[in-house]
């Protein structure tokens, strides 16, 4: 764990992760970075209750109701306004519309605070927040940036958990992402899941990955999903690289044309690649929603368009996040 910090300073690496399910087994979406952290001041929420008897304080107990306070940022991004506070992007006018009837979502708040010996990472599992403040001042001799503030309330999960503080040195974004996934995983210990919803053929489709996914894939498909997705990733990367190749010009030699055609042919996704993609997507979709059809064929019949080039990158991203967490041995 290393030596403990004597002092802390410098708030940075603020992220939020939308809570996609509550209850005994909460889940969160992929953490999203919020650049421009200025300050975070959270006061503990709770009180000490005293019971008097025999002329003394016979019993006392302190309650823990979480934290509440202000998060100040240079600016809250539009993506966060849409995902947390329900603001709607009106495509025709390209404006964000705030509606008083929009329902705000709960989220996990993740951030890092530097110290004299190590960087401390924090994750508040169950947060809600007021809408950001709006304001501005006129420009004078000095251009002083105007910040935005929202009030954050962090309350316990159903199991009582409020926040972990991983003993990790986090200096790079990649390390932070891994740390965020581990922190969210601790919210429900053994049963960690990663969810993602995307629009396919005009429908919102959910996908889920967890330590259970390989077993479900093996049971449904009879193959190893880790090997299959590694193979599919290599094929997809080769296909993307080939798409970026510039076709030979009119003055190209026959050898150059032959090499180009051979490389393009070699980069084509095979029937097996397409089948792996469809099977993996089906298993993750059925893990998210068990009401969908029971076979890949029946499920795929519900779509007119199911593009591997649009969907596969999101499936691979989901799987990568899951692997970053489940590859870390769980300590009993």
C-alpha atoms as a PDB file:
ATOM      1  CA  UNK A   1       0.000   0.000   0.000  1.00  0.00           C
ATOM      2  CA  UNK A   2       2.986   2.320   0.463  1.00  0.00           C
ATOM      3  CA  UNK A   3       3.396   5.198   2.855  1.00  0.00           C
ATOM      4  CA  UNK A   4       0.296   7.193   3.751  1.00  0.00           C
ATOM      5  CA  UNK A   5      -0.080  10.769   2.540  1.00  0.00           C
ATOM      6  CA  UNK A   6       0.531  13.569   5.008  1.00  0.00           C
ATOM      7  CA  UNK A   7      -1.296  16.124   2.873  1.00  0.00           C
ATOM      8  CA  UNK A   8      -3.586  16.170  -0.165  1.00  0.00           C
ATOM      9  CA  UNK A   9      -3.895  18.701  -2.977  1.00  0.00           C
ATOM     10  CA  UNK A  10      -4.980  19.104  -6.601  1.00  0.00           C
ATOM     11  CA  UNK A  11      -8.375  17.691  -7.560  1.00  0.00           C
ATOM     12  CA  UNK A  12      -8.349  16.136 -11.059  1.00  0.00           C
ATOM     13  CA  UNK A  13      -9.584  13.276 -13.254  1.00  0.00           C
ATOM     14  CA  UNK A  14     -13.266  13.731 -12.423  1.00  0.00           C
ATOM     15  CA  UNK A  15     -15.475  11.095 -14.054  1.00  0.00           C
ATOM     16  CA  UNK A  16     -19.131  10.120 -13.844  1.00  0.00           C
ATOM     17  CA  UNK A  17     -20.742   6.752 -14.575  1.00  0.00           C
ATOM     18  CA  UNK A  18     -24.511   6.623 -15.088  1.00  0.00           C
ATOM     19  CA  UNK A  19     -26.201   4.074 -12.838  1.00  0.00           C
ATOM     20  CA  UNK A  20     -28.056   1.622 -15.077  1.00  0.00           C
ATOM     21  CA  UNK A  21     -29.557  -0.557 -12.321  1.00  0.00           C
ATOM     22  CA  UNK A  22     -30.127  -0.151  -8.579  1.00  0.00           C
ATOM     23  CA  UNK A  23     -31.066  -2.593  -5.830  1.00  0.00           C
ATOM     24  CA  UNK A  24     -28.978  -5.502  -4.560  1.00  0.00           C
ATOM     25  CA  UNK A  25     -26.919  -5.744  -7.761  1.00  0.00           C
ATOM     26  CA  UNK A  26     -26.327  -2.201  -9.053  1.00  0.00           C
ATOM     27  CA  UNK A  27     -24.634  -1.586 -12.394  1.00  0.00           C
ATOM     28  CA  UNK A  28     -23.092   1.447 -14.056  1.00  0.00           C
ATOM     29  CA  UNK A  29     -22.296   2.504 -17.593  1.00  0.00           C
ATOM     30  CA  UNK A  30     -18.776   3.282 -18.828  1.00  0.00           C
ATOM     31  CA  UNK A  31     -17.169   6.156 -16.844  1.00  0.00           C
ATOM     32  CA  UNK A  32     -17.022   9.448 -18.772  1.00  0.00           C
ATOM     33  CA  UNK A  33     -14.324  12.056 -18.140  1.00  0.00           C
ATOM     34  CA  UNK A  34     -15.340  15.572 -17.084  1.00  0.00           C
ATOM     35  CA  UNK A  35     -12.390  17.901 -17.745  1.00  0.00           C
ATOM     36  CA  UNK A  36     -11.822  21.128 -15.838  1.00  0.00           C
ATOM     37  CA  UNK A  37     -12.078  20.166 -12.150  1.00  0.00           C
ATOM     38  CA  UNK A  38     -11.869  23.243  -9.890  1.00  0.00           C
ATOM     39  CA  UNK A  39     -13.029  22.177  -6.430  1.00  0.00           C
ATOM     40  CA  UNK A  40     -15.110  19.611  -4.568  1.00  0.00           C
ATOM     41  CA  UNK A  41     -16.322  20.272  -1.021  1.00  0.00           C
ATOM     42  CA  UNK A  42     -18.458  17.478   0.452  1.00  0.00           C
ATOM     43  CA  UNK A  43     -19.690  17.612   4.023  1.00  0.00           C
ATOM     44  CA  UNK A  44     -20.578  14.426   5.875  1.00  0.00           C
ATOM     45  CA  UNK A  45     -24.291  13.885   6.426  1.00  0.00           C
ATOM     46  CA  UNK A  46     -25.356  12.362   9.751  1.00  0.00           C
ATOM     47  CA  UNK A  47     -25.748  13.179  13.394  1.00  0.00           C
ATOM     48  CA  UNK A  48     -24.860  11.856  16.825  1.00  0.00           C
ATOM     49  CA  UNK A  49     -27.792  10.586  18.882  1.00  0.00           C
ATOM     50  CA  UNK A  50     -27.411  10.452  22.663  1.00  0.00           C
ATOM     51  CA  UNK A  51     -29.460   8.502  25.184  1.00  0.00           C
ATOM     52  CA  UNK A  52     -29.316   9.663  28.786  1.00  0.00           C
ATOM     53  CA  UNK A  53     -29.803   7.414  31.808  1.00  0.00           C
ATOM     54  CA  UNK A  54     -28.488   7.417  35.362  1.00  0.00           C
ATOM     55  CA  UNK A  55     -27.629  11.064  34.911  1.00  0.00           C
ATOM     56  CA  UNK A  56     -25.053  10.361  32.154  1.00  0.00           C
ATOM     57  CA  UNK A  57     -24.846   9.682  28.436  1.00  0.00           C
ATOM     58  CA  UNK A  58     -25.751   6.020  28.722  1.00  0.00           C
ATOM     59  CA  UNK A  59     -25.494   5.302  24.967  1.00  0.00           C
ATOM     60  CA  UNK A  60     -24.604   7.242  21.844  1.00  0.00           C
ATOM     61  CA  UNK A  61     -24.424   6.427  18.149  1.00  0.00           C
ATOM     62  CA  UNK A  62     -23.463   8.296  14.994  1.00  0.00           C
ATOM     63  CA  UNK A  63     -25.450   7.867  11.773  1.00  0.00           C
ATOM     64  CA  UNK A  64     -23.852   7.838   8.327  1.00  0.00           C
ATOM     65  CA  UNK A  65     -26.068   9.309   5.621  1.00  0.00           C
ATOM     66  CA  UNK A  66     -23.309   9.902   3.095  1.00  0.00           C
ATOM     67  CA  UNK A  67     -22.060  13.267   1.868  1.00  0.00           C
ATOM     68  CA  UNK A  68     -23.405  16.461   0.333  1.00  0.00           C
ATOM     69  CA  UNK A  69     -21.681  19.493  -1.112  1.00  0.00           C
ATOM     70  CA  UNK A  70     -20.640  21.452  -4.185  1.00  0.00           C
ATOM     71  CA  UNK A  71     -18.719  20.313  -7.241  1.00  0.00           C
ATOM     72  CA  UNK A  72     -17.194  23.236  -9.142  1.00  0.00           C
ATOM     73  CA  UNK A  73     -16.032  22.696 -12.731  1.00  0.00           C
ATOM     74  CA  UNK A  74     -14.765  24.953 -15.475  1.00  0.00           C
ATOM     75  CA  UNK A  75     -17.854  23.828 -17.388  1.00  0.00           C
ATOM     76  CA  UNK A  76     -20.147  20.814 -17.299  1.00  0.00           C
ATOM     77  CA  UNK A  77     -20.075  19.169 -20.755  1.00  0.00           C
ATOM     78  CA  UNK A  78     -23.209  18.839 -22.862  1.00  0.00           C
ATOM     79  CA  UNK A  79     -22.921  15.034 -22.795  1.00  0.00           C
ATOM     80  CA  UNK A  80     -23.226  15.074 -19.006  1.00  0.00           C
ATOM     81  CA  UNK A  81     -26.204  17.429 -19.163  1.00  0.00           C
ATOM     82  CA  UNK A  82     -27.956  14.977 -21.451  1.00  0.00           C
ATOM     83  CA  UNK A  83     -27.045  11.779 -19.607  1.00  0.00           C
ATOM     84  CA  UNK A  84     -27.460  13.003 -16.002  1.00  0.00           C
ATOM     85  CA  UNK A  85     -30.007  15.822 -16.100  1.00  0.00           C
ATOM     86  CA  UNK A  86     -32.024  14.657 -19.091  1.00  0.00           C
ATOM     87  CA  UNK A  87     -31.508  17.654 -21.349  1.00  0.00           C
ATOM     88  CA  UNK A  88     -32.578  16.860 -24.903  1.00  0.00           C
ATOM     89  CA  UNK A  89     -30.599  17.660 -28.035  1.00  0.00           C
ATOM     90  CA  UNK A  90     -33.019  19.064 -30.621  1.00  0.00           C
ATOM     91  CA  UNK A  91     -31.391  17.967 -33.859  1.00  0.00           C
ATOM     92  CA  UNK A  92     -33.278  20.391 -36.098  1.00  0.00           C
ATOM     93  CA  UNK A  93     -31.962  23.438 -34.238  1.00  0.00           C
ATOM     94  CA  UNK A  94     -28.832  21.833 -32.720  1.00  0.00           C
ATOM     95  CA  UNK A  95     -29.720  23.150 -29.244  1.00  0.00           C
ATOM     96  CA  UNK A  96     -29.933  21.525 -25.817  1.00  0.00           C
ATOM     97  CA  UNK A  97     -33.414  21.812 -24.355  1.00  0.00           C
ATOM     98  CA  UNK A  98     -33.894  21.736 -20.594  1.00  0.00           C
ATOM     99  CA  UNK A  99     -37.307  20.512 -19.494  1.00  0.00           C
ATOM    100  CA  UNK A 100     -38.626  20.729 -15.944  1.00  0.00           C
ATOM    101  CA  UNK A 101     -40.267  17.302 -16.316  1.00  0.00           C
ATOM    102  CA  UNK A 102     -37.048  15.524 -17.283  1.00  0.00           C
ATOM    103  CA  UNK A 103     -35.989  12.930 -14.716  1.00  0.00           C
ATOM    104  CA  UNK A 104     -32.387  13.164 -13.519  1.00  0.00           C
ATOM    105  CA  UNK A 105     -30.359   9.946 -13.229  1.00  0.00           C
ATOM    106  CA  UNK A 106     -28.232   8.672 -10.387  1.00  0.00           C
ATOM    107  CA  UNK A 107     -24.531   8.180 -11.069  1.00  0.00           C
ATOM    108  CA  UNK A 108     -21.198   7.287  -9.552  1.00  0.00           C
ATOM    109  CA  UNK A 109     -18.776  10.180  -9.070  1.00  0.00           C
ATOM    110  CA  UNK A 110     -15.103   9.317  -9.462  1.00  0.00           C
ATOM    111  CA  UNK A 111     -12.158  11.615  -8.899  1.00  0.00           C
ATOM    112  CA  UNK A 112      -8.499  11.765  -7.955  1.00  0.00           C
ATOM    113  CA  UNK A 113      -6.683  13.905  -5.391  1.00  0.00           C
ATOM    114  CA  UNK A 114      -2.881  14.100  -5.415  1.00  0.00           C
ATOM    115  CA  UNK A 115      -0.861  13.647  -2.255  1.00  0.00           C
ATOM    116  CA  UNK A 116       2.733  14.116  -1.154  1.00  0.00           C
ATOM    117  CA  UNK A 117       3.522  10.392  -1.596  1.00  0.00           C
ATOM    118  CA  UNK A 118       0.703   8.920  -3.717  1.00  0.00           C
ATOM    119  CA  UNK A 119      -2.386   9.849  -5.685  1.00  0.00           C
ATOM    120  CA  UNK A 120      -5.625   8.955  -3.923  1.00  0.00           C
ATOM    121  CA  UNK A 121      -8.601   7.796  -5.957  1.00  0.00           C
ATOM    122  CA  UNK A 122     -12.220   8.067  -4.789  1.00  0.00           C
ATOM    123  CA  UNK A 123     -15.523   6.669  -6.028  1.00  0.00           C
ATOM    124  CA  UNK A 124     -18.898   7.716  -4.606  1.00  0.00           C
ATOM    125  CA  UNK A 125     -21.265   4.995  -5.750  1.00  0.00           C
ATOM    126  CA  UNK A 126     -24.737   6.482  -5.482  1.00  0.00           C
ATOM    127  CA  UNK A 127     -24.953  10.189  -6.328  1.00  0.00           C
ATOM    128  CA  UNK A 128     -27.595  12.632  -7.477  1.00  0.00           C
ATOM    129  CA  UNK A 129     -26.987  16.266  -8.347  1.00  0.00           C
ATOM    130  CA  UNK A 130     -28.760  19.551  -8.885  1.00  0.00           C
ATOM    131  CA  UNK A 131     -28.558  21.222 -12.282  1.00  0.00           C
ATOM    132  CA  UNK A 132     -25.403  23.302 -12.841  1.00  0.00           C
ATOM    133  CA  UNK A 133     -25.533  27.000 -12.056  1.00  0.00           C
ATOM    134  CA  UNK A 134     -25.752  29.528 -14.896  1.00  0.00           C
ATOM    135  CA  UNK A 135     -24.008  32.869 -14.797  1.00  0.00           C
ATOM    136  CA  UNK A 136     -21.492  35.243 -16.294  1.00  0.00           C
ATOM    137  CA  UNK A 137     -19.784  38.602 -15.801  1.00  0.00           C
ATOM    138  CA  UNK A 138     -18.599  41.298 -18.111  1.00  0.00           C
ATOM    139  CA  UNK A 139     -14.980  41.309 -19.330  1.00  0.00           C
ATOM    140  CA  UNK A 140     -12.637  43.853 -17.722  1.00  0.00           C
ATOM    141  CA  UNK A 141      -8.856  44.265 -17.923  1.00  0.00           C
ATOM    142  CA  UNK A 142      -8.464  40.608 -16.965  1.00  0.00           C
ATOM    143  CA  UNK A 143     -10.364  37.724 -18.517  1.00  0.00           C
ATOM    144  CA  UNK A 144     -11.395  35.648 -15.527  1.00  0.00           C
ATOM    145  CA  UNK A 145     -13.072  32.316 -16.473  1.00  0.00           C
ATOM    146  CA  UNK A 146     -16.532  31.798 -15.017  1.00  0.00           C
ATOM    147  CA  UNK A 147     -17.088  28.385 -13.447  1.00  0.00           C
ATOM    148  CA  UNK A 148     -20.201  26.265 -12.987  1.00  0.00           C
ATOM    149  CA  UNK A 149     -21.305  24.549  -9.779  1.00  0.00           C
ATOM    150  CA  UNK A 150     -23.763  21.820  -8.889  1.00  0.00           C
ATOM    151  CA  UNK A 151     -24.695  20.341  -5.522  1.00  0.00           C
ATOM    152  CA  UNK A 152     -23.932  16.629  -5.200  1.00  0.00           C
ATOM    153  CA  UNK A 153     -25.603  14.269  -2.753  1.00  0.00           C
ATOM    154  CA  UNK A 154     -23.946  10.880  -2.201  1.00  0.00           C
ATOM    155  CA  UNK A 155     -26.020   8.364  -0.251  1.00  0.00           C
ATOM    156  CA  UNK A 156     -25.387   4.698   0.636  1.00  0.00           C
ATOM    157  CA  UNK A 157     -26.246   1.870  -1.724  1.00  0.00           C
ATOM    158  CA  UNK A 158     -28.834  -0.656  -0.622  1.00  0.00           C
ATOM    159  CA  UNK A 159     -26.061  -2.734   1.001  1.00  0.00           C
ATOM    160  CA  UNK A 160     -24.734   0.304   2.881  1.00  0.00           C
ATOM    161  CA  UNK A 161     -21.643   0.913   0.745  1.00  0.00           C
ATOM    162  CA  UNK A 162     -20.822   4.572   0.070  1.00  0.00           C
ATOM    163  CA  UNK A 163     -17.302   4.724  -1.305  1.00  0.00           C
ATOM    164  CA  UNK A 164     -14.093   2.713  -1.582  1.00  0.00           C
ATOM    165  CA  UNK A 165     -10.689   4.355  -1.608  1.00  0.00           C
ATOM    166  CA  UNK A 166      -8.427   2.126  -3.705  1.00  0.00           C
ATOM    167  CA  UNK A 167      -4.769   2.248  -2.599  1.00  0.00           C
ATOM    168  CA  UNK A 168      -3.589   2.961  -6.133  1.00  0.00           C
ATOM    169  CA  UNK A 169      -1.158   5.381  -7.692  1.00  0.00           C
ATOM    170  CA  UNK A 170      -3.022   6.730 -10.699  1.00  0.00           C
ATOM    171  CA  UNK A 171      -1.040   8.906 -13.052  1.00  0.00           C
ATOM    172  CA  UNK A 172      -2.316   8.013 -16.524  1.00  0.00           C
ATOM    173  CA  UNK A 173      -5.837   7.931 -18.004  1.00  0.00           C
ATOM    174  CA  UNK A 174      -5.530   4.196 -18.717  1.00  0.00           C
ATOM    175  CA  UNK A 175      -4.703   3.516 -15.079  1.00  0.00           C
ATOM    176  CA  UNK A 176      -7.623   5.676 -14.010  1.00  0.00           C
ATOM    177  CA  UNK A 177     -10.062   3.753 -16.195  1.00  0.00           C
ATOM    178  CA  UNK A 178      -8.915   0.448 -14.705  1.00  0.00           C
ATOM    179  CA  UNK A 179      -9.200   1.890 -11.226  1.00  0.00           C
ATOM    180  CA  UNK A 180     -12.731   3.169 -11.891  1.00  0.00           C
ATOM    181  CA  UNK A 181     -13.876  -0.246 -13.041  1.00  0.00           C
ATOM    182  CA  UNK A 182     -12.407  -1.954  -9.967  1.00  0.00           C
ATOM    183  CA  UNK A 183     -14.029   0.628  -7.704  1.00  0.00           C
ATOM    184  CA  UNK A 184     -17.436   0.126  -9.293  1.00  0.00           C
ATOM    185  CA  UNK A 185     -16.954  -3.642  -9.150  1.00  0.00           C
ATOM    186  CA  UNK A 186     -16.521  -3.488  -5.395  1.00  0.00           C
ATOM    187  CA  UNK A 187     -20.057  -2.128  -5.109  1.00  0.00           C
ATOM    188  CA  UNK A 188     -21.406  -5.635  -5.499  1.00  0.00           C
ATOM    189  CA  UNK A 189     -18.246  -7.652  -5.055  1.00  0.00           C
ATOM    190  CA  UNK A 190     -18.391 -10.934  -6.977  1.00  0.00           C
ATOM    191  CA  UNK A 191     -21.179 -10.118  -9.412  1.00  0.00           C
ATOM    192  CA  UNK A 192     -19.730  -7.252 -11.458  1.00  0.00           C
ATOM    193  CA  UNK A 193     -21.396  -6.437 -14.783  1.00  0.00           C
ATOM    194  CA  UNK A 194     -20.827  -3.849 -17.492  1.00  0.00           C
ATOM    195  CA  UNK A 195     -23.816  -2.601 -19.502  1.00  0.00           C
ATOM    196  CA  UNK A 196     -24.048  -0.640 -22.732  1.00  0.00           C
ATOM    197  CA  UNK A 197     -27.112   0.368 -24.748  1.00  0.00           C
ATOM    198  CA  UNK A 198     -26.888   1.334 -28.416  1.00  0.00           C
ATOM    199  CA  UNK A 199     -29.376   2.039 -31.202  1.00  0.00           C
ATOM    200  CA  UNK A 200     -29.593  -0.641 -33.894  1.00  0.00           C
ATOM    201  CA  UNK A 201     -32.036  -0.289 -36.760  1.00  0.00           C
ATOM    202  CA  UNK A 202     -33.886   2.407 -34.789  1.00  0.00           C
ATOM    203  CA  UNK A 203     -34.217   0.232 -31.661  1.00  0.00           C
ATOM    204  CA  UNK A 204     -32.443   0.633 -28.314  1.00  0.00           C
ATOM    205  CA  UNK A 205     -30.616  -2.618 -27.603  1.00  0.00           C
ATOM    206  CA  UNK A 206     -28.828  -3.408 -24.347  1.00  0.00           C
ATOM    207  CA  UNK A 207     -25.698  -5.526 -23.976  1.00  0.00           C
ATOM    208  CA  UNK A 208     -24.098  -6.897 -20.802  1.00  0.00           C
ATOM    209  CA  UNK A 209     -20.708  -8.451 -20.056  1.00  0.00           C
ATOM    210  CA  UNK A 210     -19.534 -10.034 -16.813  1.00  0.00           C
ATOM    211  CA  UNK A 211     -17.571 -12.979 -15.470  1.00  0.00           C
ATOM    212  CA  UNK A 212     -20.622 -15.071 -16.385  1.00  0.00           C
ATOM    213  CA  UNK A 213     -20.473 -14.202 -20.113  1.00  0.00           C
ATOM    214  CA  UNK A 214     -17.863 -16.846 -21.131  1.00  0.00           C
ATOM    215  CA  UNK A 215     -19.937 -19.571 -19.500  1.00  0.00           C
ATOM    216  CA  UNK A 216     -23.160 -18.418 -21.180  1.00  0.00           C
ATOM    217  CA  UNK A 217     -21.359 -18.246 -24.543  1.00  0.00           C
ATOM    218  CA  UNK A 218     -19.926 -21.741 -24.071  1.00  0.00           C
ATOM    219  CA  UNK A 219     -23.355 -23.092 -23.110  1.00  0.00           C
ATOM    220  CA  UNK A 220     -25.233 -21.372 -25.963  1.00  0.00           C
ATOM    221  CA  UNK A 221     -22.627 -21.474 -28.746  1.00  0.00           C
ATOM    222  CA  UNK A 222     -20.289 -24.266 -27.656  1.00  0.00           C
ATOM    223  CA  UNK A 223     -17.134 -22.184 -28.144  1.00  0.00           C
ATOM    224  CA  UNK A 224     -14.677 -20.063 -26.125  1.00  0.00           C
ATOM    225  CA  UNK A 225     -15.650 -16.377 -26.320  1.00  0.00           C
ATOM    226  CA  UNK A 226     -12.183 -15.161 -25.325  1.00  0.00           C
ATOM    227  CA  UNK A 227     -10.513 -16.947 -28.248  1.00  0.00           C
ATOM    228  CA  UNK A 228     -13.320 -16.022 -30.615  1.00  0.00           C
ATOM    229  CA  UNK A 229     -13.278 -12.302 -29.771  1.00  0.00           C
ATOM    230  CA  UNK A 230      -9.473 -12.166 -29.977  1.00  0.00           C
ATOM    231  CA  UNK A 231      -9.675 -13.683 -33.450  1.00  0.00           C
ATOM    232  CA  UNK A 232     -12.486 -11.313 -34.418  1.00  0.00           C
ATOM    233  CA  UNK A 233     -10.560  -8.294 -33.142  1.00  0.00           C
ATOM    234  CA  UNK A 234      -7.542  -9.184 -35.287  1.00  0.00           C
ATOM    235  CA  UNK A 235      -9.710  -9.679 -38.372  1.00  0.00           C
ATOM    236  CA  UNK A 236     -11.572  -6.411 -37.773  1.00  0.00           C
ATOM    237  CA  UNK A 237      -8.365  -4.410 -37.290  1.00  0.00           C
ATOM    238  CA  UNK A 238      -6.955  -5.894 -40.499  1.00  0.00           C
ATOM    239  CA  UNK A 239     -10.160  -4.976 -42.349  1.00  0.00           C
ATOM    240  CA  UNK A 240     -10.047  -1.397 -41.026  1.00  0.00           C
ATOM    241  CA  UNK A 241      -6.415  -1.077 -42.044  1.00  0.00           C
ATOM    242  CA  UNK A 242      -7.244  -2.323 -45.541  1.00  0.00           C
ATOM    243  CA  UNK A 243     -10.119   0.164 -45.875  1.00  0.00           C
ATOM    244  CA  UNK A 244      -7.632   2.955 -45.224  1.00  0.00           C
ATOM    245  CA  UNK A 245      -5.329   1.789 -48.032  1.00  0.00           C
ATOM    246  CA  UNK A 246      -5.123   4.010 -51.084  1.00  0.00           C
ATOM    247  CA  UNK A 247      -5.971   2.261 -54.318  1.00  0.00           C
ATOM    248  CA  UNK A 248      -3.135   2.130 -56.878  1.00  0.00           C
ATOM    249  CA  UNK A 249      -3.166   4.858 -59.508  1.00  0.00           C
ATOM    250  CA  UNK A 250      -3.515   4.468 -63.241  1.00  0.00           C
ATOM    251  CA  UNK A 251       0.258   4.160 -63.609  1.00  0.00           C
ATOM    252  CA  UNK A 252       0.488   1.245 -61.166  1.00  0.00           C
ATOM    253  CA  UNK A 253       2.332  -1.849 -62.334  1.00  0.00           C
ATOM    254  CA  UNK A 254       0.575  -5.210 -62.618  1.00  0.00           C
ATOM    255  CA  UNK A 255       2.560  -6.369 -59.576  1.00  0.00           C
ATOM    256  CA  UNK A 256       1.306  -3.417 -57.521  1.00  0.00           C
ATOM    257  CA  UNK A 257      -2.273  -4.054 -58.577  1.00  0.00           C
ATOM    258  CA  UNK A 258      -1.931  -7.736 -57.710  1.00  0.00           C
ATOM    259  CA  UNK A 259      -0.468  -6.933 -54.282  1.00  0.00           C
ATOM    260  CA  UNK A 260      -3.273  -4.475 -53.566  1.00  0.00           C
ATOM    261  CA  UNK A 261      -5.977  -6.929 -54.587  1.00  0.00           C
ATOM    262  CA  UNK A 262      -4.359  -9.712 -52.564  1.00  0.00           C
ATOM    263  CA  UNK A 263      -4.166  -7.515 -49.466  1.00  0.00           C
ATOM    264  CA  UNK A 264      -7.778  -6.416 -49.852  1.00  0.00           C
ATOM    265  CA  UNK A 265      -8.900 -10.012 -50.323  1.00  0.00           C
ATOM    266  CA  UNK A 266      -6.923 -11.156 -47.274  1.00  0.00           C
ATOM    267  CA  UNK A 267      -8.517  -8.413 -45.163  1.00  0.00           C
ATOM    268  CA  UNK A 268     -12.102  -9.423 -45.956  1.00  0.00           C
ATOM    269  CA  UNK A 269     -14.059 -10.578 -42.934  1.00  0.00           C
ATOM    270  CA  UNK A 270     -14.795 -14.276 -43.240  1.00  0.00           C
ATOM    271  CA  UNK A 271     -18.107 -16.034 -42.746  1.00  0.00           C
ATOM    272  CA  UNK A 272     -16.704 -17.329 -39.456  1.00  0.00           C
ATOM    273  CA  UNK A 273     -15.877 -13.766 -38.359  1.00  0.00           C
ATOM    274  CA  UNK A 274     -19.443 -12.659 -39.055  1.00  0.00           C
ATOM    275  CA  UNK A 275     -20.845 -15.657 -37.188  1.00  0.00           C
ATOM    276  CA  UNK A 276     -18.651 -14.968 -34.141  1.00  0.00           C
ATOM    277  CA  UNK A 277     -19.800 -11.338 -34.154  1.00  0.00           C
ATOM    278  CA  UNK A 278     -23.483 -12.267 -34.331  1.00  0.00           C
ATOM    279  CA  UNK A 279     -23.139 -14.955 -31.648  1.00  0.00           C
ATOM    280  CA  UNK A 280     -21.246 -12.695 -29.226  1.00  0.00           C
ATOM    281  CA  UNK A 281     -23.729  -9.856 -29.741  1.00  0.00           C
ATOM    282  CA  UNK A 282     -26.638 -12.236 -29.151  1.00  0.00           C
ATOM    283  CA  UNK A 283     -25.202 -13.714 -25.928  1.00  0.00           C
ATOM    284  CA  UNK A 284     -24.453 -10.276 -24.466  1.00  0.00           C
ATOM    285  CA  UNK A 285     -27.886  -8.967 -25.513  1.00  0.00           C
ATOM    286  CA  UNK A 286     -29.679 -11.951 -23.967  1.00  0.00           C
ATOM    287  CA  UNK A 287     -27.613 -11.603 -20.792  1.00  0.00           C
ATOM    288  CA  UNK A 288     -28.924  -8.011 -20.585  1.00  0.00           C
ATOM    289  CA  UNK A 289     -32.530  -8.864 -21.509  1.00  0.00           C
ATOM    290  CA  UNK A 290     -33.732 -12.458 -21.139  1.00  0.00           C
ATOM    291  CA  UNK A 291     -37.010 -11.694 -22.892  1.00  0.00           C
ATOM    292  CA  UNK A 292     -35.381 -11.599 -26.343  1.00  0.00           C
ATOM    293  CA  UNK A 293     -35.642 -14.725 -28.578  1.00  0.00           C
ATOM    294  CA  UNK A 294     -33.734 -17.812 -27.470  1.00  0.00           C
ATOM    295  CA  UNK A 295     -31.546 -18.259 -30.569  1.00  0.00           C
ATOM    296  CA  UNK A 296     -29.274 -15.915 -32.562  1.00  0.00           C
ATOM    297  CA  UNK A 297     -31.247 -16.621 -35.730  1.00  0.00           C
ATOM    298  CA  UNK A 298     -34.597 -15.642 -34.226  1.00  0.00           C
ATOM    299  CA  UNK A 299     -33.093 -12.545 -32.599  1.00  0.00           C
ATOM    300  CA  UNK A 300     -31.397 -11.339 -35.789  1.00  0.00           C
ATOM    301  CA  UNK A 301     -34.664 -11.692 -37.722  1.00  0.00           C
ATOM    302  CA  UNK A 302     -35.914  -8.712 -35.721  1.00  0.00           C
ATOM    303  CA  UNK A 303     -33.478  -6.349 -37.472  1.00  0.00           C
ATOM    304  CA  UNK A 304     -33.402  -5.180 -41.055  1.00  0.00           C
ATOM    305  CA  UNK A 305     -29.882  -3.761 -40.617  1.00  0.00           C
ATOM    306  CA  UNK A 306     -27.224  -5.236 -38.306  1.00  0.00           C
ATOM    307  CA  UNK A 307     -23.900  -3.694 -39.367  1.00  0.00           C
ATOM    308  CA  UNK A 308     -20.727  -5.261 -38.009  1.00  0.00           C
ATOM    309  CA  UNK A 309     -18.790  -2.044 -38.673  1.00  0.00           C
ATOM    310  CA  UNK A 310     -21.159   0.011 -36.506  1.00  0.00           C
ATOM    311  CA  UNK A 311     -21.849  -2.480 -33.712  1.00  0.00           C
ATOM    312  CA  UNK A 312     -18.628  -4.466 -33.282  1.00  0.00           C
ATOM    313  CA  UNK A 313     -16.483  -1.553 -31.972  1.00  0.00           C
ATOM    314  CA  UNK A 314     -19.015  -1.035 -29.157  1.00  0.00           C
ATOM    315  CA  UNK A 315     -19.131  -4.766 -28.366  1.00  0.00           C
ATOM    316  CA  UNK A 316     -15.316  -4.875 -28.203  1.00  0.00           C
ATOM    317  CA  UNK A 317     -15.253  -1.768 -25.990  1.00  0.00           C
ATOM    318  CA  UNK A 318     -17.756  -3.396 -23.623  1.00  0.00           C
ATOM    319  CA  UNK A 319     -15.723  -6.603 -23.518  1.00  0.00           C
ATOM    320  CA  UNK A 320     -12.458  -4.713 -22.892  1.00  0.00           C
ATOM    321  CA  UNK A 321     -13.926  -2.905 -19.875  1.00  0.00           C
ATOM    322  CA  UNK A 322     -15.216  -6.191 -18.489  1.00  0.00           C
ATOM    323  CA  UNK A 323     -11.827  -7.860 -18.999  1.00  0.00           C
ATOM    324  CA  UNK A 324     -10.011  -5.058 -17.181  1.00  0.00           C
ATOM    325  CA  UNK A 325     -12.062  -5.858 -14.101  1.00  0.00           C
ATOM    326  CA  UNK A 326     -12.575  -9.621 -14.178  1.00  0.00           C
ATOM    327  CA  UNK A 327      -8.906 -10.261 -15.019  1.00  0.00           C
ATOM    328  CA  UNK A 328      -7.983  -8.904 -11.581  1.00  0.00           C
ATOM    329  CA  UNK A 329      -8.130 -11.794  -9.070  1.00  0.00           C
ATOM    330  CA  UNK A 330     -10.753 -11.276  -6.397  1.00  0.00           C
ATOM    331  CA  UNK A 331      -9.438 -11.460  -2.847  1.00  0.00           C
ATOM    332  CA  UNK A 332     -11.537 -13.318  -0.324  1.00  0.00           C
END
